[in-house]
């Protein structure tokens, strides 16, 4: 199954604040916030939603097609992704701008305040999916993840016109986009990915109820943080998939991207929606246990051991034939 992942490619600057953001907020002054947080740590890591998703899929043995825009400073990052199974031949390289930057501060309760510099990502709107599909012999699914808003709309419309199934993952761009734009991104999607807060925001900004959203998408996937994930389909009961047990918490950045990577791997392998979400949950746990979105390594043996412990031997037996983790 040929899956293209469109979206951001960035460098992450991750900082840690040894306190709680909520303790610094004054209820009567929320309209005039002026805060500075002295942080204890700075980690510079590879990131970007689309790149994180592709890295996760590649770590499971797939060869996802990464579609996005970067600067001339991308050479080392490109090499890293290609070594992890990612097809980078459809990436646009800007002659004017640096690769995007994500700056994020996390407090002791894993709340986050972040900013994003788009840089070269603004040129993603110039990318056509047609040449990508032609180069690889056709596309079976395109994931539209957070990106330049015009690029997200263009990729969605082109996927519709070309009859390519698409998955909508508006997440961070929901705050910026207008109601009509969000409706355009979602309508007709094979899959809609959000977390529980974003789910409510989608309904608020589109004016659609939960049932009306389900009229327009085939599968609605909602991540629930420490409670796992929920899958909804029109006329079907909700399916709740509990999380995979963690071995510690380091940083939540990229956890949602890792879930999508695992879920899409399951889709590519033709597994049930429950198995897809279970794989996503376990990959997400691997990211939570590290600082940085691409700092984990997947071993086939260890992955199956943890998967069996979390979801049972029968579930692991369904997943095992498909795993091609590059690490021993």
C-alpha atoms as a PDB file:
ATOM      1  CA  UNK A   1       0.000   0.000   0.000  1.00  0.00           C
ATOM      2  CA  UNK A   2       1.502   3.335  -1.078  1.00  0.00           C
ATOM      3  CA  UNK A   3       0.887   6.047   1.525  1.00  0.00           C
ATOM      4  CA  UNK A   4       1.988   9.665   1.080  1.00  0.00           C
ATOM      5  CA  UNK A   5       2.255  11.836   4.177  1.00  0.00           C
ATOM      6  CA  UNK A   6       2.003  15.573   3.545  1.00  0.00           C
ATOM      7  CA  UNK A   7       2.767  18.103   6.260  1.00  0.00           C
ATOM      8  CA  UNK A   8       5.420  19.876   8.256  1.00  0.00           C
ATOM      9  CA  UNK A   9       9.106  19.000   8.365  1.00  0.00           C
ATOM     10  CA  UNK A  10      10.913  20.896  11.106  1.00  0.00           C
ATOM     11  CA  UNK A  11      13.614  21.097  13.724  1.00  0.00           C
ATOM     12  CA  UNK A  12      12.296  20.922  17.302  1.00  0.00           C
ATOM     13  CA  UNK A  13      13.696  23.092  20.097  1.00  0.00           C
ATOM     14  CA  UNK A  14      12.340  21.460  23.267  1.00  0.00           C
ATOM     15  CA  UNK A  15      12.577  23.126  26.681  1.00  0.00           C
ATOM     16  CA  UNK A  16      11.517  22.061  30.166  1.00  0.00           C
ATOM     17  CA  UNK A  17      10.019  24.367  32.816  1.00  0.00           C
ATOM     18  CA  UNK A  18      10.307  22.968  36.387  1.00  0.00           C
ATOM     19  CA  UNK A  19       6.895  24.183  37.516  1.00  0.00           C
ATOM     20  CA  UNK A  20       3.297  24.502  36.394  1.00  0.00           C
ATOM     21  CA  UNK A  21       2.133  27.037  33.834  1.00  0.00           C
ATOM     22  CA  UNK A  22      -1.206  27.280  35.637  1.00  0.00           C
ATOM     23  CA  UNK A  23       0.507  28.636  38.756  1.00  0.00           C
ATOM     24  CA  UNK A  24       1.745  31.621  36.771  1.00  0.00           C
ATOM     25  CA  UNK A  25      -1.645  32.655  35.412  1.00  0.00           C
ATOM     26  CA  UNK A  26      -3.735  35.329  37.116  1.00  0.00           C
ATOM     27  CA  UNK A  27      -7.419  34.856  36.350  1.00  0.00           C
ATOM     28  CA  UNK A  28      -8.178  38.579  36.321  1.00  0.00           C
ATOM     29  CA  UNK A  29      -5.300  39.326  33.931  1.00  0.00           C
ATOM     30  CA  UNK A  30      -5.713  36.679  31.246  1.00  0.00           C
ATOM     31  CA  UNK A  31      -6.363  39.393  28.651  1.00  0.00           C
ATOM     32  CA  UNK A  32      -2.903  40.894  29.354  1.00  0.00           C
ATOM     33  CA  UNK A  33      -0.543  37.926  29.662  1.00  0.00           C
ATOM     34  CA  UNK A  34       3.169  38.769  29.779  1.00  0.00           C
ATOM     35  CA  UNK A  35       5.214  35.818  31.031  1.00  0.00           C
ATOM     36  CA  UNK A  36       8.758  34.540  30.772  1.00  0.00           C
ATOM     37  CA  UNK A  37       9.694  31.020  31.883  1.00  0.00           C
ATOM     38  CA  UNK A  38      13.233  30.201  33.006  1.00  0.00           C
ATOM     39  CA  UNK A  39      13.798  26.709  31.625  1.00  0.00           C
ATOM     40  CA  UNK A  40      16.185  24.023  32.838  1.00  0.00           C
ATOM     41  CA  UNK A  41      16.901  22.209  29.623  1.00  0.00           C
ATOM     42  CA  UNK A  42      17.120  22.659  25.852  1.00  0.00           C
ATOM     43  CA  UNK A  43      17.046  19.740  23.431  1.00  0.00           C
ATOM     44  CA  UNK A  44      17.321  20.241  19.662  1.00  0.00           C
ATOM     45  CA  UNK A  45      15.754  17.354  17.801  1.00  0.00           C
ATOM     46  CA  UNK A  46      14.434  16.365  14.376  1.00  0.00           C
ATOM     47  CA  UNK A  47      10.684  16.901  14.077  1.00  0.00           C
ATOM     48  CA  UNK A  48       7.727  18.130  12.076  1.00  0.00           C
ATOM     49  CA  UNK A  49       4.436  16.235  12.039  1.00  0.00           C
ATOM     50  CA  UNK A  50       4.807  14.603   8.617  1.00  0.00           C
ATOM     51  CA  UNK A  51       8.451  13.692   9.198  1.00  0.00           C
ATOM     52  CA  UNK A  52       7.636  12.205  12.606  1.00  0.00           C
ATOM     53  CA  UNK A  53       4.847  10.086  11.141  1.00  0.00           C
ATOM     54  CA  UNK A  54       7.052   8.861   8.308  1.00  0.00           C
ATOM     55  CA  UNK A  55       9.878   8.039  10.715  1.00  0.00           C
ATOM     56  CA  UNK A  56       7.500   5.911  12.789  1.00  0.00           C
ATOM     57  CA  UNK A  57       6.176   4.084   9.752  1.00  0.00           C
ATOM     58  CA  UNK A  58       9.692   3.492   8.485  1.00  0.00           C
ATOM     59  CA  UNK A  59      10.718   2.151  11.902  1.00  0.00           C
ATOM     60  CA  UNK A  60       8.013  -0.500  11.509  1.00  0.00           C
ATOM     61  CA  UNK A  61       9.377  -1.526   8.124  1.00  0.00           C
ATOM     62  CA  UNK A  62       7.219   0.496   5.722  1.00  0.00           C
ATOM     63  CA  UNK A  63       8.389   2.965   3.069  1.00  0.00           C
ATOM     64  CA  UNK A  64       6.144   6.026   3.416  1.00  0.00           C
ATOM     65  CA  UNK A  65       6.414   8.909   0.942  1.00  0.00           C
ATOM     66  CA  UNK A  66       7.172  12.213   2.666  1.00  0.00           C
ATOM     67  CA  UNK A  67       5.725  15.292   0.932  1.00  0.00           C
ATOM     68  CA  UNK A  68       6.627  18.738   2.235  1.00  0.00           C
ATOM     69  CA  UNK A  69       8.916  21.742   1.879  1.00  0.00           C
ATOM     70  CA  UNK A  70      12.348  22.293   3.470  1.00  0.00           C
ATOM     71  CA  UNK A  71      15.367  24.573   3.242  1.00  0.00           C
ATOM     72  CA  UNK A  72      18.859  23.913   1.938  1.00  0.00           C
ATOM     73  CA  UNK A  73      19.814  22.995   5.526  1.00  0.00           C
ATOM     74  CA  UNK A  74      17.887  19.698   5.207  1.00  0.00           C
ATOM     75  CA  UNK A  75      20.706  17.463   3.901  1.00  0.00           C
ATOM     76  CA  UNK A  76      21.593  15.705   7.179  1.00  0.00           C
ATOM     77  CA  UNK A  77      17.938  15.321   8.137  1.00  0.00           C
ATOM     78  CA  UNK A  78      17.184  13.831   4.711  1.00  0.00           C
ATOM     79  CA  UNK A  79      19.945  11.266   5.167  1.00  0.00           C
ATOM     80  CA  UNK A  80      18.560  10.296   8.583  1.00  0.00           C
ATOM     81  CA  UNK A  81      15.048   9.774   7.247  1.00  0.00           C
ATOM     82  CA  UNK A  82      16.211   7.806   4.220  1.00  0.00           C
ATOM     83  CA  UNK A  83      18.206   5.507   6.496  1.00  0.00           C
ATOM     84  CA  UNK A  84      14.938   4.825   8.324  1.00  0.00           C
ATOM     85  CA  UNK A  85      13.005   3.823   5.216  1.00  0.00           C
ATOM     86  CA  UNK A  86      11.409   7.144   4.262  1.00  0.00           C
ATOM     87  CA  UNK A  87      11.022   8.081   0.589  1.00  0.00           C
ATOM     88  CA  UNK A  88      12.209  11.719   0.405  1.00  0.00           C
ATOM     89  CA  UNK A  89      12.174  12.148  -3.385  1.00  0.00           C
ATOM     90  CA  UNK A  90       9.019  14.278  -3.389  1.00  0.00           C
ATOM     91  CA  UNK A  91      10.277  16.911  -0.942  1.00  0.00           C
ATOM     92  CA  UNK A  92      10.453  20.488  -2.252  1.00  0.00           C
ATOM     93  CA  UNK A  93      13.684  22.359  -1.375  1.00  0.00           C
ATOM     94  CA  UNK A  94      13.342  26.124  -0.981  1.00  0.00           C
ATOM     95  CA  UNK A  95      15.996  28.432  -2.374  1.00  0.00           C
ATOM     96  CA  UNK A  96      14.995  31.223   0.018  1.00  0.00           C
ATOM     97  CA  UNK A  97      14.029  29.895   3.441  1.00  0.00           C
ATOM     98  CA  UNK A  98      15.305  27.655   6.219  1.00  0.00           C
ATOM     99  CA  UNK A  99      13.535  24.491   7.272  1.00  0.00           C
ATOM    100  CA  UNK A 100      10.711  25.227   9.738  1.00  0.00           C
ATOM    101  CA  UNK A 101      11.367  25.518  13.501  1.00  0.00           C
ATOM    102  CA  UNK A 102       9.161  24.298  16.372  1.00  0.00           C
ATOM    103  CA  UNK A 103       9.860  25.876  19.787  1.00  0.00           C
ATOM    104  CA  UNK A 104       8.091  24.213  22.711  1.00  0.00           C
ATOM    105  CA  UNK A 105       8.231  24.534  26.499  1.00  0.00           C
ATOM    106  CA  UNK A 106       6.782  21.722  28.631  1.00  0.00           C
ATOM    107  CA  UNK A 107       5.907  22.074  32.326  1.00  0.00           C
ATOM    108  CA  UNK A 108       6.064  19.398  35.026  1.00  0.00           C
ATOM    109  CA  UNK A 109       2.481  18.319  34.280  1.00  0.00           C
ATOM    110  CA  UNK A 110       3.293  17.875  30.563  1.00  0.00           C
ATOM    111  CA  UNK A 111       1.329  20.963  29.537  1.00  0.00           C
ATOM    112  CA  UNK A 112       2.936  22.729  26.604  1.00  0.00           C
ATOM    113  CA  UNK A 113       3.291  26.243  25.184  1.00  0.00           C
ATOM    114  CA  UNK A 114       4.707  26.308  21.678  1.00  0.00           C
ATOM    115  CA  UNK A 115       5.458  28.510  18.681  1.00  0.00           C
ATOM    116  CA  UNK A 116       6.097  27.466  15.102  1.00  0.00           C
ATOM    117  CA  UNK A 117       8.172  29.305  12.478  1.00  0.00           C
ATOM    118  CA  UNK A 118       6.999  28.190   9.058  1.00  0.00           C
ATOM    119  CA  UNK A 119      10.087  29.064   7.008  1.00  0.00           C
ATOM    120  CA  UNK A 120      10.237  26.907   3.880  1.00  0.00           C
ATOM    121  CA  UNK A 121       6.944  25.247   4.808  1.00  0.00           C
ATOM    122  CA  UNK A 122       5.120  28.190   3.221  1.00  0.00           C
ATOM    123  CA  UNK A 123       6.226  26.850  -0.169  1.00  0.00           C
ATOM    124  CA  UNK A 124       4.455  23.511   0.363  1.00  0.00           C
ATOM    125  CA  UNK A 125       1.440  25.030  -1.409  1.00  0.00           C
ATOM    126  CA  UNK A 126       3.443  24.755  -4.644  1.00  0.00           C
ATOM    127  CA  UNK A 127       3.609  20.943  -4.453  1.00  0.00           C
ATOM    128  CA  UNK A 128       1.332  18.887  -6.716  1.00  0.00           C
ATOM    129  CA  UNK A 129       0.329  15.337  -5.764  1.00  0.00           C
ATOM    130  CA  UNK A 130      -0.008  14.237  -9.388  1.00  0.00           C
ATOM    131  CA  UNK A 131       3.745  13.934 -10.038  1.00  0.00           C
ATOM    132  CA  UNK A 132       4.170  12.129  -6.706  1.00  0.00           C
ATOM    133  CA  UNK A 133       1.545   9.554  -7.677  1.00  0.00           C
ATOM    134  CA  UNK A 134       3.041   9.172 -11.152  1.00  0.00           C
ATOM    135  CA  UNK A 135       6.563   8.626  -9.759  1.00  0.00           C
ATOM    136  CA  UNK A 136       5.552   5.813  -7.393  1.00  0.00           C
ATOM    137  CA  UNK A 137       2.926   4.134  -9.576  1.00  0.00           C
ATOM    138  CA  UNK A 138      -0.160   5.564  -7.849  1.00  0.00           C
ATOM    139  CA  UNK A 139      -1.180   6.436  -4.307  1.00  0.00           C
ATOM    140  CA  UNK A 140      -3.550   4.406  -2.125  1.00  0.00           C
ATOM    141  CA  UNK A 141      -3.881   7.007   0.641  1.00  0.00           C
ATOM    142  CA  UNK A 142      -2.727  10.578   1.305  1.00  0.00           C
ATOM    143  CA  UNK A 143      -2.522  11.906   4.851  1.00  0.00           C
ATOM    144  CA  UNK A 144      -3.101  15.663   5.035  1.00  0.00           C
ATOM    145  CA  UNK A 145      -1.356  16.631   8.278  1.00  0.00           C
ATOM    146  CA  UNK A 146      -0.586  20.120   9.697  1.00  0.00           C
ATOM    147  CA  UNK A 147       1.188  22.222   7.098  1.00  0.00           C
ATOM    148  CA  UNK A 148       0.901  25.561   5.373  1.00  0.00           C
ATOM    149  CA  UNK A 149      -2.916  26.033   5.401  1.00  0.00           C
ATOM    150  CA  UNK A 150      -3.084  26.707   1.664  1.00  0.00           C
ATOM    151  CA  UNK A 151      -1.074  23.530   1.050  1.00  0.00           C
ATOM    152  CA  UNK A 152      -3.475  21.501   3.178  1.00  0.00           C
ATOM    153  CA  UNK A 153      -6.454  22.803   1.223  1.00  0.00           C
ATOM    154  CA  UNK A 154      -4.733  22.283  -2.114  1.00  0.00           C
ATOM    155  CA  UNK A 155      -3.685  18.712  -1.320  1.00  0.00           C
ATOM    156  CA  UNK A 156      -7.183  17.864  -0.096  1.00  0.00           C
ATOM    157  CA  UNK A 157      -8.852  19.241  -3.204  1.00  0.00           C
ATOM    158  CA  UNK A 158      -6.376  17.525  -5.513  1.00  0.00           C
ATOM    159  CA  UNK A 159      -6.887  14.203  -3.741  1.00  0.00           C
ATOM    160  CA  UNK A 160     -10.648  14.552  -4.285  1.00  0.00           C
ATOM    161  CA  UNK A 161     -10.208  15.437  -7.947  1.00  0.00           C
ATOM    162  CA  UNK A 162      -7.853  12.522  -8.571  1.00  0.00           C
ATOM    163  CA  UNK A 163      -9.951  10.060  -6.595  1.00  0.00           C
ATOM    164  CA  UNK A 164      -7.191   9.366  -4.079  1.00  0.00           C
ATOM    165  CA  UNK A 165      -8.507   8.424  -0.601  1.00  0.00           C
ATOM    166  CA  UNK A 166      -7.297  10.914   1.986  1.00  0.00           C
ATOM    167  CA  UNK A 167      -6.995  11.142   5.751  1.00  0.00           C
ATOM    168  CA  UNK A 168      -7.535  14.487   7.488  1.00  0.00           C
ATOM    169  CA  UNK A 169      -5.287  15.465  10.392  1.00  0.00           C
ATOM    170  CA  UNK A 170      -5.774  19.228  10.897  1.00  0.00           C
ATOM    171  CA  UNK A 171      -4.721  19.240  14.601  1.00  0.00           C
ATOM    172  CA  UNK A 172      -2.483  22.275  15.295  1.00  0.00           C
ATOM    173  CA  UNK A 173      -3.910  24.269  12.402  1.00  0.00           C
ATOM    174  CA  UNK A 174      -7.467  24.145  13.749  1.00  0.00           C
ATOM    175  CA  UNK A 175      -6.829  27.270  15.813  1.00  0.00           C
ATOM    176  CA  UNK A 176      -5.777  29.228  12.746  1.00  0.00           C
ATOM    177  CA  UNK A 177      -8.197  28.023  10.091  1.00  0.00           C
ATOM    178  CA  UNK A 178     -11.708  29.327   9.493  1.00  0.00           C
ATOM    179  CA  UNK A 179     -14.826  27.178   9.738  1.00  0.00           C
ATOM    180  CA  UNK A 180     -15.280  26.779   5.974  1.00  0.00           C
ATOM    181  CA  UNK A 181     -11.648  25.728   5.543  1.00  0.00           C
ATOM    182  CA  UNK A 182     -12.004  23.068   8.240  1.00  0.00           C
ATOM    183  CA  UNK A 183     -15.151  21.737   6.609  1.00  0.00           C
ATOM    184  CA  UNK A 184     -13.289  21.492   3.304  1.00  0.00           C
ATOM    185  CA  UNK A 185     -10.424  19.561   4.929  1.00  0.00           C
ATOM    186  CA  UNK A 186     -12.717  17.048   6.583  1.00  0.00           C
ATOM    187  CA  UNK A 187     -15.563  16.413   4.161  1.00  0.00           C
ATOM    188  CA  UNK A 188     -15.104  13.067   2.437  1.00  0.00           C
ATOM    189  CA  UNK A 189     -12.093  11.921   4.449  1.00  0.00           C
ATOM    190  CA  UNK A 190     -11.482   8.209   4.812  1.00  0.00           C
ATOM    191  CA  UNK A 191     -10.031   8.919   8.286  1.00  0.00           C
ATOM    192  CA  UNK A 192     -10.221  11.943  10.581  1.00  0.00           C
ATOM    193  CA  UNK A 193      -7.551  12.190  13.300  1.00  0.00           C
ATOM    194  CA  UNK A 194      -7.823  14.526  16.297  1.00  0.00           C
ATOM    195  CA  UNK A 195      -7.270  14.439  20.037  1.00  0.00           C
ATOM    196  CA  UNK A 196     -10.250  14.885  22.341  1.00  0.00           C
ATOM    197  CA  UNK A 197      -9.801  18.668  22.655  1.00  0.00           C
ATOM    198  CA  UNK A 198      -9.458  19.046  18.894  1.00  0.00           C
ATOM    199  CA  UNK A 199     -12.568  16.912  18.418  1.00  0.00           C
ATOM    200  CA  UNK A 200     -14.595  19.480  20.342  1.00  0.00           C
ATOM    201  CA  UNK A 201     -12.901  22.320  18.461  1.00  0.00           C
ATOM    202  CA  UNK A 202     -13.799  20.763  15.107  1.00  0.00           C
ATOM    203  CA  UNK A 203     -17.442  20.585  16.121  1.00  0.00           C
ATOM    204  CA  UNK A 204     -17.423  24.130  17.504  1.00  0.00           C
ATOM    205  CA  UNK A 205     -15.783  25.728  14.474  1.00  0.00           C
ATOM    206  CA  UNK A 206     -17.636  23.751  11.778  1.00  0.00           C
ATOM    207  CA  UNK A 207     -21.001  23.901  13.517  1.00  0.00           C
ATOM    208  CA  UNK A 208     -21.368  20.170  12.867  1.00  0.00           C
ATOM    209  CA  UNK A 209     -22.454  17.781  15.596  1.00  0.00           C
ATOM    210  CA  UNK A 210     -20.609  14.536  16.222  1.00  0.00           C
ATOM    211  CA  UNK A 211     -23.195  12.695  14.125  1.00  0.00           C
ATOM    212  CA  UNK A 212     -22.893  15.214  11.308  1.00  0.00           C
ATOM    213  CA  UNK A 213     -19.114  14.751  11.260  1.00  0.00           C
ATOM    214  CA  UNK A 214     -19.639  10.984  11.034  1.00  0.00           C
ATOM    215  CA  UNK A 215     -21.916  11.585   8.049  1.00  0.00           C
ATOM    216  CA  UNK A 216     -18.897  13.062   6.256  1.00  0.00           C
ATOM    217  CA  UNK A 217     -15.981  10.811   7.242  1.00  0.00           C
ATOM    218  CA  UNK A 218     -15.642   7.048   7.112  1.00  0.00           C
ATOM    219  CA  UNK A 219     -13.640   6.593  10.327  1.00  0.00           C
ATOM    220  CA  UNK A 220     -13.162   9.124  13.146  1.00  0.00           C
ATOM    221  CA  UNK A 221     -10.132   8.453  15.352  1.00  0.00           C
ATOM    222  CA  UNK A 222      -9.811  10.400  18.598  1.00  0.00           C
ATOM    223  CA  UNK A 223      -6.728  10.080  20.795  1.00  0.00           C
ATOM    224  CA  UNK A 224      -7.418  10.401  24.520  1.00  0.00           C
ATOM    225  CA  UNK A 225      -3.940  10.821  26.018  1.00  0.00           C
ATOM    226  CA  UNK A 226      -3.468   8.468  28.972  1.00  0.00           C
ATOM    227  CA  UNK A 227      -6.889   6.921  28.263  1.00  0.00           C
ATOM    228  CA  UNK A 228      -5.900   5.500  24.869  1.00  0.00           C
ATOM    229  CA  UNK A 229      -8.003   6.116  21.757  1.00  0.00           C
ATOM    230  CA  UNK A 230     -11.571   5.930  20.498  1.00  0.00           C
ATOM    231  CA  UNK A 231     -12.765   4.936  17.035  1.00  0.00           C
ATOM    232  CA  UNK A 232     -16.181   5.968  15.703  1.00  0.00           C
ATOM    233  CA  UNK A 233     -18.043   5.040  12.524  1.00  0.00           C
ATOM    234  CA  UNK A 234     -21.526   5.909  11.344  1.00  0.00           C
ATOM    235  CA  UNK A 235     -24.060   3.418  12.678  1.00  0.00           C
ATOM    236  CA  UNK A 236     -21.436   1.471  14.664  1.00  0.00           C
ATOM    237  CA  UNK A 237     -20.794   1.450  18.426  1.00  0.00           C
ATOM    238  CA  UNK A 238     -17.749   3.387  19.594  1.00  0.00           C
ATOM    239  CA  UNK A 239     -14.599   1.325  20.037  1.00  0.00           C
ATOM    240  CA  UNK A 240     -12.352   2.272  22.937  1.00  0.00           C
ATOM    241  CA  UNK A 241      -8.751   1.034  22.754  1.00  0.00           C
ATOM    242  CA  UNK A 242      -6.858   1.296  26.064  1.00  0.00           C
ATOM    243  CA  UNK A 243      -3.287   2.657  26.105  1.00  0.00           C
ATOM    244  CA  UNK A 244      -0.152   0.552  26.145  1.00  0.00           C
ATOM    245  CA  UNK A 245       1.592   0.654  29.564  1.00  0.00           C
ATOM    246  CA  UNK A 246       4.476   3.109  29.695  1.00  0.00           C
ATOM    247  CA  UNK A 247       7.876   2.681  31.324  1.00  0.00           C
ATOM    248  CA  UNK A 248       8.177   6.329  32.274  1.00  0.00           C
ATOM    249  CA  UNK A 249       7.386   9.799  30.982  1.00  0.00           C
ATOM    250  CA  UNK A 250      10.031  12.006  29.426  1.00  0.00           C
ATOM    251  CA  UNK A 251       8.303  14.358  26.966  1.00  0.00           C
ATOM    252  CA  UNK A 252       4.935  14.270  25.156  1.00  0.00           C
ATOM    253  CA  UNK A 253       6.094  16.036  21.990  1.00  0.00           C
ATOM    254  CA  UNK A 254       5.340  13.882  18.965  1.00  0.00           C
ATOM    255  CA  UNK A 255       3.172  11.334  20.787  1.00  0.00           C
ATOM    256  CA  UNK A 256       0.183  12.024  18.533  1.00  0.00           C
ATOM    257  CA  UNK A 257       2.361  11.749  15.432  1.00  0.00           C
ATOM    258  CA  UNK A 258       3.640   8.372  16.598  1.00  0.00           C
ATOM    259  CA  UNK A 259       0.077   7.156  17.124  1.00  0.00           C
ATOM    260  CA  UNK A 260      -0.768   8.091  13.542  1.00  0.00           C
ATOM    261  CA  UNK A 261       2.347   6.298  12.308  1.00  0.00           C
ATOM    262  CA  UNK A 262       1.324   3.083  14.036  1.00  0.00           C
ATOM    263  CA  UNK A 263      -2.311   3.395  13.007  1.00  0.00           C
ATOM    264  CA  UNK A 264      -1.426   3.950   9.355  1.00  0.00           C
ATOM    265  CA  UNK A 265       0.988   1.018   9.452  1.00  0.00           C
ATOM    266  CA  UNK A 266      -1.917  -1.166  10.544  1.00  0.00           C
ATOM    267  CA  UNK A 267      -4.050   0.249   7.741  1.00  0.00           C
ATOM    268  CA  UNK A 268      -1.289  -0.541   5.227  1.00  0.00           C
ATOM    269  CA  UNK A 269      -1.136  -4.101   6.543  1.00  0.00           C
ATOM    270  CA  UNK A 270      -4.900  -4.556   6.222  1.00  0.00           C
ATOM    271  CA  UNK A 271      -5.466  -5.067   9.950  1.00  0.00           C
ATOM    272  CA  UNK A 272      -8.622  -4.252  11.909  1.00  0.00           C
ATOM    273  CA  UNK A 273      -9.190  -0.766  13.257  1.00  0.00           C
ATOM    274  CA  UNK A 274      -8.666  -2.081  16.782  1.00  0.00           C
ATOM    275  CA  UNK A 275      -5.248  -3.484  15.878  1.00  0.00           C
ATOM    276  CA  UNK A 276      -4.364  -0.241  14.081  1.00  0.00           C
ATOM    277  CA  UNK A 277      -5.090   1.763  17.232  1.00  0.00           C
ATOM    278  CA  UNK A 278      -3.207  -0.715  19.418  1.00  0.00           C
ATOM    279  CA  UNK A 279      -0.096  -0.380  17.270  1.00  0.00           C
ATOM    280  CA  UNK A 280      -0.505   3.395  17.375  1.00  0.00           C
ATOM    281  CA  UNK A 281      -0.789   3.369  21.162  1.00  0.00           C
ATOM    282  CA  UNK A 282       2.404   1.377  21.588  1.00  0.00           C
ATOM    283  CA  UNK A 283       4.443   3.562  19.221  1.00  0.00           C
ATOM    284  CA  UNK A 284       3.092   6.617  21.067  1.00  0.00           C
ATOM    285  CA  UNK A 285       4.316   5.125  24.332  1.00  0.00           C
ATOM    286  CA  UNK A 286       7.814   4.737  22.881  1.00  0.00           C
ATOM    287  CA  UNK A 287       7.885   8.466  22.065  1.00  0.00           C
ATOM    288  CA  UNK A 288       6.560   9.464  25.499  1.00  0.00           C
ATOM    289  CA  UNK A 289       9.498   7.620  27.066  1.00  0.00           C
ATOM    290  CA  UNK A 290      12.086   9.740  25.183  1.00  0.00           C
ATOM    291  CA  UNK A 291      12.892  13.422  24.710  1.00  0.00           C
ATOM    292  CA  UNK A 292      12.379  14.065  21.020  1.00  0.00           C
ATOM    293  CA  UNK A 293       9.977  12.667  18.464  1.00  0.00           C
ATOM    294  CA  UNK A 294      12.447  10.431  16.609  1.00  0.00           C
ATOM    295  CA  UNK A 295      14.763   9.223  19.360  1.00  0.00           C
ATOM    296  CA  UNK A 296      13.283   5.743  19.840  1.00  0.00           C
ATOM    297  CA  UNK A 297      14.365   2.470  18.254  1.00  0.00           C
ATOM    298  CA  UNK A 298      11.962  -0.363  17.522  1.00  0.00           C
ATOM    299  CA  UNK A 299      13.125  -3.912  18.013  1.00  0.00           C
ATOM    300  CA  UNK A 300      10.804  -6.569  16.602  1.00  0.00           C
ATOM    301  CA  UNK A 301      11.273  -8.837  19.635  1.00  0.00           C
ATOM    302  CA  UNK A 302      10.791  -6.113  22.230  1.00  0.00           C
ATOM    303  CA  UNK A 303       7.873  -4.576  20.347  1.00  0.00           C
ATOM    304  CA  UNK A 304       6.028  -7.890  20.229  1.00  0.00           C
ATOM    305  CA  UNK A 305       6.771  -8.574  23.896  1.00  0.00           C
ATOM    306  CA  UNK A 306       5.281  -5.235  24.913  1.00  0.00           C
ATOM    307  CA  UNK A 307       2.393  -5.609  22.480  1.00  0.00           C
ATOM    308  CA  UNK A 308       1.571  -9.038  23.900  1.00  0.00           C
ATOM    309  CA  UNK A 309       1.708  -7.720  27.461  1.00  0.00           C
ATOM    310  CA  UNK A 310      -0.627  -4.860  26.568  1.00  0.00           C
ATOM    311  CA  UNK A 311      -3.126  -6.518  24.238  1.00  0.00           C
ATOM    312  CA  UNK A 312      -2.675 -10.287  24.411  1.00  0.00           C
ATOM    313  CA  UNK A 313      -1.008 -13.049  22.420  1.00  0.00           C
ATOM    314  CA  UNK A 314      -3.792 -13.350  19.834  1.00  0.00           C
ATOM    315  CA  UNK A 315      -3.484  -9.670  18.932  1.00  0.00           C
ATOM    316  CA  UNK A 316       0.312  -9.947  18.721  1.00  0.00           C
ATOM    317  CA  UNK A 317       0.015 -12.964  16.424  1.00  0.00           C
ATOM    318  CA  UNK A 318      -1.941 -10.835  13.940  1.00  0.00           C
ATOM    319  CA  UNK A 319       0.669  -8.088  13.949  1.00  0.00           C
ATOM    320  CA  UNK A 320       3.840 -10.211  13.980  1.00  0.00           C
ATOM    321  CA  UNK A 321       3.863 -11.315  10.303  1.00  0.00           C
ATOM    322  CA  UNK A 322       3.961  -7.709   9.145  1.00  0.00           C
ATOM    323  CA  UNK A 323       6.686  -6.245  11.350  1.00  0.00           C
ATOM    324  CA  UNK A 324       9.965  -5.451   9.627  1.00  0.00           C
ATOM    325  CA  UNK A 325      11.687  -3.389  12.322  1.00  0.00           C
ATOM    326  CA  UNK A 326      15.233  -2.523  11.184  1.00  0.00           C
ATOM    327  CA  UNK A 327      16.766  -2.827  14.661  1.00  0.00           C
ATOM    328  CA  UNK A 328      17.683  -6.261  16.073  1.00  0.00           C
END
